[in-house]
PDB file of N, CA and C in Angstrom:
ATOM      1  N   MET A   1     156.858 212.354  12.271  1.00  0.00           N
ATOM      2  CA  MET A   1     158.123 212.597  11.621  1.00  0.00           C
ATOM      3  C   MET A   1     158.696 213.933  12.075  1.00  0.00           C
ATOM      4  N   GLN A   2     157.974 215.006  11.852  1.00  0.00           N
ATOM      5  CA  GLN A   2     158.483 216.331  12.184  1.00  0.00           C
ATOM      6  C   GLN A   2     158.612 216.501  13.689  1.00  0.00           C
ATOM      7  N   LEU A   3     157.795 215.824  14.451  1.00  0.00           N
ATOM      8  CA  LEU A   3     157.829 215.979  15.894  1.00  0.00           C
ATOM      9  C   LEU A   3     159.092 215.388  16.490  1.00  0.00           C
ATOM     10  N   ASN A   4     159.695 214.414  15.829  1.00  0.00           N
ATOM     11  CA  ASN A   4     160.883 213.748  16.341  1.00  0.00           C
ATOM     12  C   ASN A   4     162.177 214.300  15.778  1.00  0.00           C
ATOM     13  N   ASP A   5     162.131 215.061  14.736  1.00  0.00           N
ATOM     14  CA  ASP A   5     163.324 215.609  14.096  1.00  0.00           C
ATOM     15  C   ASP A   5     163.648 216.958  14.730  1.00  0.00           C
ATOM     16  N   LYS A   6     164.814 217.054  15.367  1.00  0.00           N
ATOM     17  CA  LYS A   6     165.170 218.287  16.081  1.00  0.00           C
ATOM     18  C   LYS A   6     165.245 219.491  15.152  1.00  0.00           C
ATOM     19  N   LYS A   7     165.765 219.299  13.953  1.00  0.00           N
ATOM     20  CA  LYS A   7     165.870 220.425  13.022  1.00  0.00           C
ATOM     21  C   LYS A   7     164.492 220.876  12.552  1.00  0.00           C
ATOM     22  N   LEU A   8     163.623 219.928  12.247  1.00  0.00           N
ATOM     23  CA  LEU A   8     162.284 220.289  11.774  1.00  0.00           C
ATOM     24  C   LEU A   8     161.393 220.809  12.898  1.00  0.00           C
ATOM     25  N   ALA A   9     161.740 220.511  14.138  1.00  0.00           N
ATOM     26  CA  ALA A   9     160.946 220.986  15.271  1.00  0.00           C
ATOM     27  C   ALA A   9     161.308 222.414  15.672  1.00  0.00           C
ATOM     28  N   LYS A  10     162.350 222.968  15.074  1.00  0.00           N
ATOM     29  CA  LYS A  10     162.752 224.337  15.408  1.00  0.00           C
ATOM     30  C   LYS A  10     161.616 225.310  15.115  1.00  0.00           C
ATOM     31  N   GLU A  11     161.438 226.263  16.018  1.00  0.00           N
ATOM     32  CA  GLU A  11     160.408 227.271  15.818  1.00  0.00           C
ATOM     33  C   GLU A  11     160.983 228.579  15.302  1.00  0.00           C
ATOM     34  N   LEU A  12     162.267 228.790  15.485  1.00  0.00           N
ATOM     35  CA  LEU A  12     162.915 230.002  14.992  1.00  0.00           C
ATOM     36  C   LEU A  12     163.793 229.657  13.798  1.00  0.00           C
ATOM     37  N   TYR A  13     163.404 230.147  12.650  1.00  0.00           N
ATOM     38  CA  TYR A  13     164.154 229.906  11.423  1.00  0.00           C
ATOM     39  C   TYR A  13     163.792 231.001  10.436  1.00  0.00           C
ATOM     40  N   LYS A  14     164.620 231.179   9.455  1.00  0.00           N
ATOM     41  CA  LYS A  14     164.398 232.240   8.473  1.00  0.00           C
ATOM     42  C   LYS A  14     163.696 231.696   7.239  1.00  0.00           C
ATOM     43  N   LYS A  15     162.927 232.575   6.632  1.00  0.00           N
ATOM     44  CA  LYS A  15     162.260 232.220   5.386  1.00  0.00           C
ATOM     45  C   LYS A  15     163.316 231.887   4.338  1.00  0.00           C
ATOM     46  N   TYR A  16     163.073 230.855   3.568  1.00  0.00           N
ATOM     47  CA  TYR A  16     163.947 230.363   2.497  1.00  0.00           C
ATOM     48  C   TYR A  16     165.218 229.681   3.008  1.00  0.00           C
ATOM     49  N   SER A  17     165.338 229.481   4.316  1.00  0.00           N
ATOM     50  CA  SER A  17     166.494 228.753   4.840  1.00  0.00           C
ATOM     51  C   SER A  17     166.310 227.267   4.550  1.00  0.00           C
ATOM     52  N   ALA A  18     167.354 226.486   4.788  1.00  0.00           N
ATOM     53  CA  ALA A  18     167.278 225.040   4.551  1.00  0.00           C
ATOM     54  C   ALA A  18     166.187 224.407   5.416  1.00  0.00           C
ATOM     55  N   ILE A  19     166.075 224.834   6.660  1.00  0.00           N
ATOM     56  CA  ILE A  19     165.041 224.290   7.548  1.00  0.00           C
ATOM     57  C   ILE A  19     163.655 224.651   7.030  1.00  0.00           C
ATOM     58  N   HIS A  20     163.486 225.886   6.588  1.00  0.00           N
ATOM     59  CA  HIS A  20     162.204 226.330   6.043  1.00  0.00           C
ATOM     60  C   HIS A  20     161.807 225.475   4.841  1.00  0.00           C
ATOM     61  N   ARG A  21     162.745 225.250   3.947  1.00  0.00           N
ATOM     62  CA  ARG A  21     162.453 224.435   2.756  1.00  0.00           C
ATOM     63  C   ARG A  21     162.123 222.998   3.147  1.00  0.00           C
ATOM     64  N   ARG A  22     162.846 222.441   4.119  1.00  0.00           N
ATOM     65  CA  ARG A  22     162.563 221.070   4.566  1.00  0.00           C
ATOM     66  C   ARG A  22     161.185 220.972   5.201  1.00  0.00           C
ATOM     67  N   LYS A  23     160.823 221.975   5.994  1.00  0.00           N
ATOM     68  CA  LYS A  23     159.493 221.971   6.620  1.00  0.00           C
ATOM     69  C   LYS A  23     158.397 222.011   5.557  1.00  0.00           C
ATOM     70  N   ILE A  24     158.571 222.868   4.576  1.00  0.00           N
ATOM     71  CA  ILE A  24     157.567 222.954   3.509  1.00  0.00           C
ATOM     72  C   ILE A  24     157.452 221.623   2.784  1.00  0.00           C
ATOM     73  N   ARG A  25     158.566 221.028   2.413  1.00  0.00           N
ATOM     74  CA  ARG A  25     158.538 219.743   1.698  1.00  0.00           C
ATOM     75  C   ARG A  25     157.917 218.646   2.559  1.00  0.00           C
ATOM     76  N   ALA A  26     158.246 218.644   3.840  1.00  0.00           N
ATOM     77  CA  ALA A  26     157.688 217.630   4.742  1.00  0.00           C
ATOM     78  C   ALA A  26     156.168 217.761   4.832  1.00  0.00           C
ATOM     79  N   TRP A  27     155.671 218.985   5.016  1.00  0.00           N
ATOM     80  CA  TRP A  27     154.227 219.169   5.135  1.00  0.00           C
ATOM     81  C   TRP A  27     153.508 218.956   3.810  1.00  0.00           C
ATOM     82  N   GLN A  28     154.161 219.255   2.702  1.00  0.00           N
ATOM     83  CA  GLN A  28     153.563 218.943   1.403  1.00  0.00           C
ATOM     84  C   GLN A  28     153.382 217.430   1.268  1.00  0.00           C
ATOM     85  N   MET A  29     154.413 216.687   1.663  1.00  0.00           N
ATOM     86  CA  MET A  29     154.348 215.231   1.590  1.00  0.00           C
ATOM     87  C   MET A  29     153.260 214.697   2.523  1.00  0.00           C
ATOM     88  N   ILE A  30     153.178 215.246   3.720  1.00  0.00           N
ATOM     89  CA  ILE A  30     152.168 214.807   4.683  1.00  0.00           C
ATOM     90  C   ILE A  30     150.763 215.101   4.155  1.00  0.00           C
ATOM     91  N   CYS A  31     150.586 216.236   3.496  1.00  0.00           N
ATOM     92  CA  CYS A  31     149.274 216.557   2.906  1.00  0.00           C
ATOM     93  C   CYS A  31     148.876 215.526   1.853  1.00  0.00           C
ATOM     94  N   VAL A  32     149.824 215.127   1.030  1.00  0.00           N
ATOM     95  CA  VAL A  32     149.544 214.119   0.002  1.00  0.00           C
ATOM     96  C   VAL A  32     149.190 212.789   0.654  1.00  0.00           C
ATOM     97  N   LEU A  33     149.883 212.453   1.732  1.00  0.00           N
ATOM     98  CA  LEU A  33     149.645 211.175   2.403  1.00  0.00           C
ATOM     99  C   LEU A  33     148.388 211.171   3.270  1.00  0.00           C
ATOM    100  N   SER A  34     147.769 212.326   3.472  1.00  0.00           N
ATOM    101  CA  SER A  34     146.591 212.401   4.340  1.00  0.00           C
ATOM    102  C   SER A  34     145.450 211.518   3.853  1.00  0.00           C
ATOM    103  N   GLN A  35     145.389 211.261   2.571  1.00  0.00           N
ATOM    104  CA  GLN A  35     144.313 210.418   2.038  1.00  0.00           C
ATOM    105  C   GLN A  35     144.437 208.959   2.482  1.00  0.00           C
ATOM    106  N   PHE A  36     145.591 208.586   3.014  1.00  0.00           N
ATOM    107  CA  PHE A  36     145.810 207.209   3.440  1.00  0.00           C
ATOM    108  C   PHE A  36     145.634 207.005   4.944  1.00  0.00           C
ATOM    109  N   VAL A  37     145.238 208.043   5.672  1.00  0.00           N
ATOM    110  CA  VAL A  37     144.976 207.908   7.105  1.00  0.00           C
ATOM    111  C   VAL A  37     143.660 207.160   7.261  1.00  0.00           C
ATOM    112  N   ASP A  38     143.675 206.119   8.081  1.00  0.00           N
ATOM    113  CA  ASP A  38     142.446 205.355   8.292  1.00  0.00           C
ATOM    114  C   ASP A  38     142.096 205.322   9.778  1.00  0.00           C
ATOM    115  N   ASP A  39     141.021 204.610  10.102  1.00  0.00           N
ATOM    116  CA  ASP A  39     140.516 204.562  11.474  1.00  0.00           C
ATOM    117  C   ASP A  39     141.541 204.030  12.464  1.00  0.00           C
ATOM    118  N   ASP A  40     142.420 203.156  12.010  1.00  0.00           N
ATOM    119  CA  ASP A  40     143.395 202.539  12.910  1.00  0.00           C
ATOM    120  C   ASP A  40     144.411 203.529  13.454  1.00  0.00           C
ATOM    121  N   ILE A  41     144.763 204.536  12.677  1.00  0.00           N
ATOM    122  CA  ILE A  41     145.834 205.448  13.095  1.00  0.00           C
ATOM    123  C   ILE A  41     145.383 206.892  13.277  1.00  0.00           C
ATOM    124  N   VAL A  42     144.119 207.179  13.041  1.00  0.00           N
ATOM    125  CA  VAL A  42     143.671 208.576  13.081  1.00  0.00           C
ATOM    126  C   VAL A  42     143.852 209.194  14.470  1.00  0.00           C
ATOM    127  N   GLY A  43     143.705 208.427  15.520  1.00  0.00           N
ATOM    128  CA  GLY A  43     143.900 208.954  16.874  1.00  0.00           C
ATOM    129  C   GLY A  43     145.321 209.432  17.098  1.00  0.00           C
ATOM    130  N   GLU A  44     146.267 208.617  16.701  1.00  0.00           N
ATOM    131  CA  GLU A  44     147.682 208.985  16.835  1.00  0.00           C
ATOM    132  C   GLU A  44     148.021 210.185  15.951  1.00  0.00           C
ATOM    133  N   VAL A  45     147.460 210.196  14.754  1.00  0.00           N
ATOM    134  CA  VAL A  45     147.708 211.301  13.822  1.00  0.00           C
ATOM    135  C   VAL A  45     147.179 212.613  14.395  1.00  0.00           C
ATOM    136  N   THR A  46     145.979 212.603  14.951  1.00  0.00           N
ATOM    137  CA  THR A  46     145.415 213.849  15.480  1.00  0.00           C
ATOM    138  C   THR A  46     146.151 214.318  16.736  1.00  0.00           C
ATOM    139  N   GLN A  47     146.677 213.398  17.527  1.00  0.00           N
ATOM    140  CA  GLN A  47     147.486 213.804  18.682  1.00  0.00           C
ATOM    141  C   GLN A  47     148.732 214.543  18.217  1.00  0.00           C
ATOM    142  N   CYS A  48     149.412 214.003  17.232  1.00  0.00           N
ATOM    143  CA  CYS A  48     150.602 214.660  16.678  1.00  0.00           C
ATOM    144  C   CYS A  48     150.228 215.978  16.009  1.00  0.00           C
ATOM    145  N   LEU A  49     149.089 215.994  15.363  1.00  0.00           N
ATOM    146  CA  LEU A  49     148.624 217.209  14.696  1.00  0.00           C
ATOM    147  C   LEU A  49     148.398 218.329  15.703  1.00  0.00           C
ATOM    148  N   GLN A  50     147.792 218.006  16.842  1.00  0.00           N
ATOM    149  CA  GLN A  50     147.550 219.029  17.864  1.00  0.00           C
ATOM    150  C   GLN A  50     148.855 219.619  18.386  1.00  0.00           C
ATOM    151  N   ILE A  51     149.860 218.785  18.571  1.00  0.00           N
ATOM    152  CA  ILE A  51     151.175 219.277  19.004  1.00  0.00           C
ATOM    153  C   ILE A  51     151.741 220.216  17.945  1.00  0.00           C
ATOM    154  N   ALA A  52     151.669 219.802  16.696  1.00  0.00           N
ATOM    155  CA  ALA A  52     152.222 220.606  15.598  1.00  0.00           C
ATOM    156  C   ALA A  52     151.482 221.932  15.442  1.00  0.00           C
ATOM    157  N   LEU A  53     150.174 221.929  15.658  1.00  0.00           N
ATOM    158  CA  LEU A  53     149.387 223.159  15.505  1.00  0.00           C
ATOM    159  C   LEU A  53     149.760 224.224  16.530  1.00  0.00           C
ATOM    160  N   TYR A  54     150.225 223.809  17.692  1.00  0.00           N
ATOM    161  CA  TYR A  54     150.586 224.774  18.730  1.00  0.00           C
ATOM    162  C   TYR A  54     152.010 225.294  18.588  1.00  0.00           C
ATOM    163  N   ARG A  55     152.781 224.730  17.693  1.00  0.00           N
ATOM    164  CA  ARG A  55     154.143 225.219  17.462  1.00  0.00           C
ATOM    165  C   ARG A  55     154.116 226.419  16.532  1.00  0.00           C
ATOM    166  N   LYS A  56     155.123 227.260  16.679  1.00  0.00           N
ATOM    167  CA  LYS A  56     155.232 228.444  15.821  1.00  0.00           C
ATOM    168  C   LYS A  56     155.857 228.048  14.496  1.00  0.00           C
ATOM    169  N   ASN A  57     155.232 228.478  13.422  1.00  0.00           N
ATOM    170  CA  ASN A  57     155.746 228.250  12.075  1.00  0.00           C
ATOM    171  C   ASN A  57     155.457 229.474  11.225  1.00  0.00           C
ATOM    172  N   LEU A  58     156.266 229.660  10.219  1.00  0.00           N
ATOM    173  CA  LEU A  58     156.016 230.736   9.270  1.00  0.00           C
ATOM    174  C   LEU A  58     154.724 230.438   8.509  1.00  0.00           C
ATOM    175  N   PRO A  59     154.031 231.474   8.035  1.00  0.00           N
ATOM    176  CA  PRO A  59     152.761 231.261   7.327  1.00  0.00           C
ATOM    177  C   PRO A  59     152.859 230.296   6.148  1.00  0.00           C
ATOM    178  N   SER A  60     153.971 230.312   5.434  1.00  0.00           N
ATOM    179  CA  SER A  60     154.107 229.425   4.273  1.00  0.00           C
ATOM    180  C   SER A  60     154.153 227.958   4.688  1.00  0.00           C
ATOM    181  N   VAL A  61     154.618 227.674   5.887  1.00  0.00           N
ATOM    182  CA  VAL A  61     154.612 226.306   6.418  1.00  0.00           C
ATOM    183  C   VAL A  61     153.251 226.016   7.035  1.00  0.00           C
ATOM    184  N   ARG A  62     152.746 226.967   7.776  1.00  0.00           N
ATOM    185  CA  ARG A  62     151.480 226.781   8.488  1.00  0.00           C
ATOM    186  C   ARG A  62     150.319 226.487   7.539  1.00  0.00           C
ATOM    187  N   GLN A  63     150.356 227.038   6.335  1.00  0.00           N
ATOM    188  CA  GLN A  63     149.257 226.777   5.399  1.00  0.00           C
ATOM    189  C   GLN A  63     149.158 225.291   5.066  1.00  0.00           C
ATOM    190  N   TYR A  64     150.285 224.610   4.962  1.00  0.00           N
ATOM    191  CA  TYR A  64     150.257 223.173   4.684  1.00  0.00           C
ATOM    192  C   TYR A  64     149.804 222.394   5.913  1.00  0.00           C
ATOM    193  N   LEU A  65     150.230 222.838   7.085  1.00  0.00           N
ATOM    194  CA  LEU A  65     149.808 222.197   8.320  1.00  0.00           C
ATOM    195  C   LEU A  65     148.287 222.294   8.461  1.00  0.00           C
ATOM    196  N   GLU A  66     147.748 223.472   8.204  1.00  0.00           N
ATOM    197  CA  GLU A  66     146.303 223.671   8.304  1.00  0.00           C
ATOM    198  C   GLU A  66     145.551 222.927   7.202  1.00  0.00           C
ATOM    199  N   THR A  67     146.143 222.826   6.026  1.00  0.00           N
ATOM    200  CA  THR A  67     145.532 222.045   4.942  1.00  0.00           C
ATOM    201  C   THR A  67     145.434 220.582   5.346  1.00  0.00           C
ATOM    202  N   PHE A  68     146.484 220.068   5.965  1.00  0.00           N
ATOM    203  CA  PHE A  68     146.464 218.686   6.446  1.00  0.00           C
ATOM    204  C   PHE A  68     145.364 218.511   7.491  1.00  0.00           C
ATOM    205  N   ALA A  69     145.266 219.454   8.429  1.00  0.00           N
ATOM    206  CA  ALA A  69     144.230 219.366   9.461  1.00  0.00           C
ATOM    207  C   ALA A  69     142.839 219.356   8.831  1.00  0.00           C
ATOM    208  N   ILE A  70     142.619 220.214   7.858  1.00  0.00           N
ATOM    209  CA  ILE A  70     141.323 220.262   7.172  1.00  0.00           C
ATOM    210  C   ILE A  70     141.041 218.938   6.478  1.00  0.00           C
ATOM    211  N   ASN A  71     142.043 218.384   5.796  1.00  0.00           N
ATOM    212  CA  ASN A  71     141.861 217.093   5.117  1.00  0.00           C
ATOM    213  C   ASN A  71     141.448 216.010   6.107  1.00  0.00           C
ATOM    214  N   ILE A  72     142.104 215.966   7.260  1.00  0.00           N
ATOM    215  CA  ILE A  72     141.794 214.941   8.262  1.00  0.00           C
ATOM    216  C   ILE A  72     140.394 215.148   8.825  1.00  0.00           C
ATOM    217  N   TYR A  73     140.065 216.382   9.190  1.00  0.00           N
ATOM    218  CA  TYR A  73     138.757 216.627   9.793  1.00  0.00           C
ATOM    219  C   TYR A  73     137.611 216.518   8.786  1.00  0.00           C
ATOM    220  N   MET A  74     137.886 216.715   7.511  1.00  0.00           N
ATOM    221  CA  MET A  74     136.858 216.476   6.492  1.00  0.00           C
ATOM    222  C   MET A  74     136.624 214.973   6.316  1.00  0.00           C
ATOM    223  N   GLU A  75     137.678 214.197   6.438  1.00  0.00           N
ATOM    224  CA  GLU A  75     137.567 212.743   6.299  1.00  0.00           C
ATOM    225  C   GLU A  75     136.940 212.107   7.549  1.00  0.00           C
ATOM    226  N   PHE A  76     137.190 212.695   8.716  1.00  0.00           N
ATOM    227  CA  PHE A  76     136.688 212.168   9.990  1.00  0.00           C
ATOM    228  C   PHE A  76     135.940 213.277  10.739  1.00  0.00           C
ATOM    229  N   PRO A  77     134.739 213.653  10.277  1.00  0.00           N
ATOM    230  CA  PRO A  77     134.018 214.788  10.877  1.00  0.00           C
ATOM    231  C   PRO A  77     133.642 214.585  12.348  1.00  0.00           C
ATOM    232  N   SER A  78     133.537 213.347  12.795  1.00  0.00           N
ATOM    233  CA  SER A  78     133.201 213.117  14.208  1.00  0.00           C
ATOM    234  C   SER A  78     134.301 213.634  15.129  1.00  0.00           C
ATOM    235  N   LEU A  79     135.524 213.736  14.622  1.00  0.00           N
ATOM    236  CA  LEU A  79     136.630 214.246  15.430  1.00  0.00           C
ATOM    237  C   LEU A  79     136.485 215.734  15.715  1.00  0.00           C
ATOM    238  N   VAL A  80     135.788 216.443  14.850  1.00  0.00           N
ATOM    239  CA  VAL A  80     135.588 217.880  15.059  1.00  0.00           C
ATOM    240  C   VAL A  80     134.772 218.094  16.325  1.00  0.00           C
ATOM    241  N   MET A  81     133.683 217.387  16.469  1.00  0.00           N
ATOM    242  CA  MET A  81     132.848 217.523  17.663  1.00  0.00           C
ATOM    243  C   MET A  81     133.619 217.094  18.902  1.00  0.00           C
ATOM    244  N   HIS A  82     134.411 216.046  18.780  1.00  0.00           N
ATOM    245  CA  HIS A  82     135.226 215.588  19.911  1.00  0.00           C
ATOM    246  C   HIS A  82     136.203 216.678  20.334  1.00  0.00           C
ATOM    247  N   ARG A  83     136.864 217.319  19.371  1.00  0.00           N
ATOM    248  CA  ARG A  83     137.830 218.387  19.676  1.00  0.00           C
ATOM    249  C   ARG A  83     137.125 219.588  20.299  1.00  0.00           C
ATOM    250  N   LEU A  84     135.931 219.912  19.832  1.00  0.00           N
ATOM    251  CA  LEU A  84     135.199 221.051  20.379  1.00  0.00           C
ATOM    252  C   LEU A  84     134.792 220.805  21.826  1.00  0.00           C
ATOM    253  N   LYS A  85     134.492 219.564  22.166  1.00  0.00           N
ATOM    254  CA  LYS A  85     134.128 219.231  23.544  1.00  0.00           C
ATOM    255  C   LYS A  85     135.339 219.316  24.462  1.00  0.00           C
ATOM    256  N   VAL A  86     136.510 218.999  23.944  1.00  0.00           N
ATOM    257  CA  VAL A  86     137.735 219.041  24.745  1.00  0.00           C
ATOM    258  C   VAL A  86     138.112 220.480  25.064  1.00  0.00           C
ATOM    259  N   ILE A  87     137.904 221.379  24.106  1.00  0.00           N
ATOM    260  CA  ILE A  87     138.269 222.789  24.295  1.00  0.00           C
ATOM    261  C   ILE A  87     137.249 223.404  25.183  1.00  0.00           C
TER     262      ILE A  87
END
C-alpha cells in the first residue's frame, strides 16, 4: 500500500503534517493486520518490508514500521536466519 502511494512514499515531510499523520495511521493499521499474514503471502510482505525499512522516515513513523517487522519475524522466526544469510 505505502510503496505504491506517491504521497506516502515521500521521504521528506514535516512532523504533524498531513503526510506524517497518514503514514502513522497507515503503519498503525498495518501493525494490526500483521496477525493475519500467513505462509502464502509472507514472502511478498517481507520483500515490501525490506523496501520500506530502507526508506527515510521520522522516528514516530519508524517505530510502527519496526513494530510490524518484529511482529512478522516473531511469527516466522525462520525468516530471521534467512535474512541474516542474505546480509
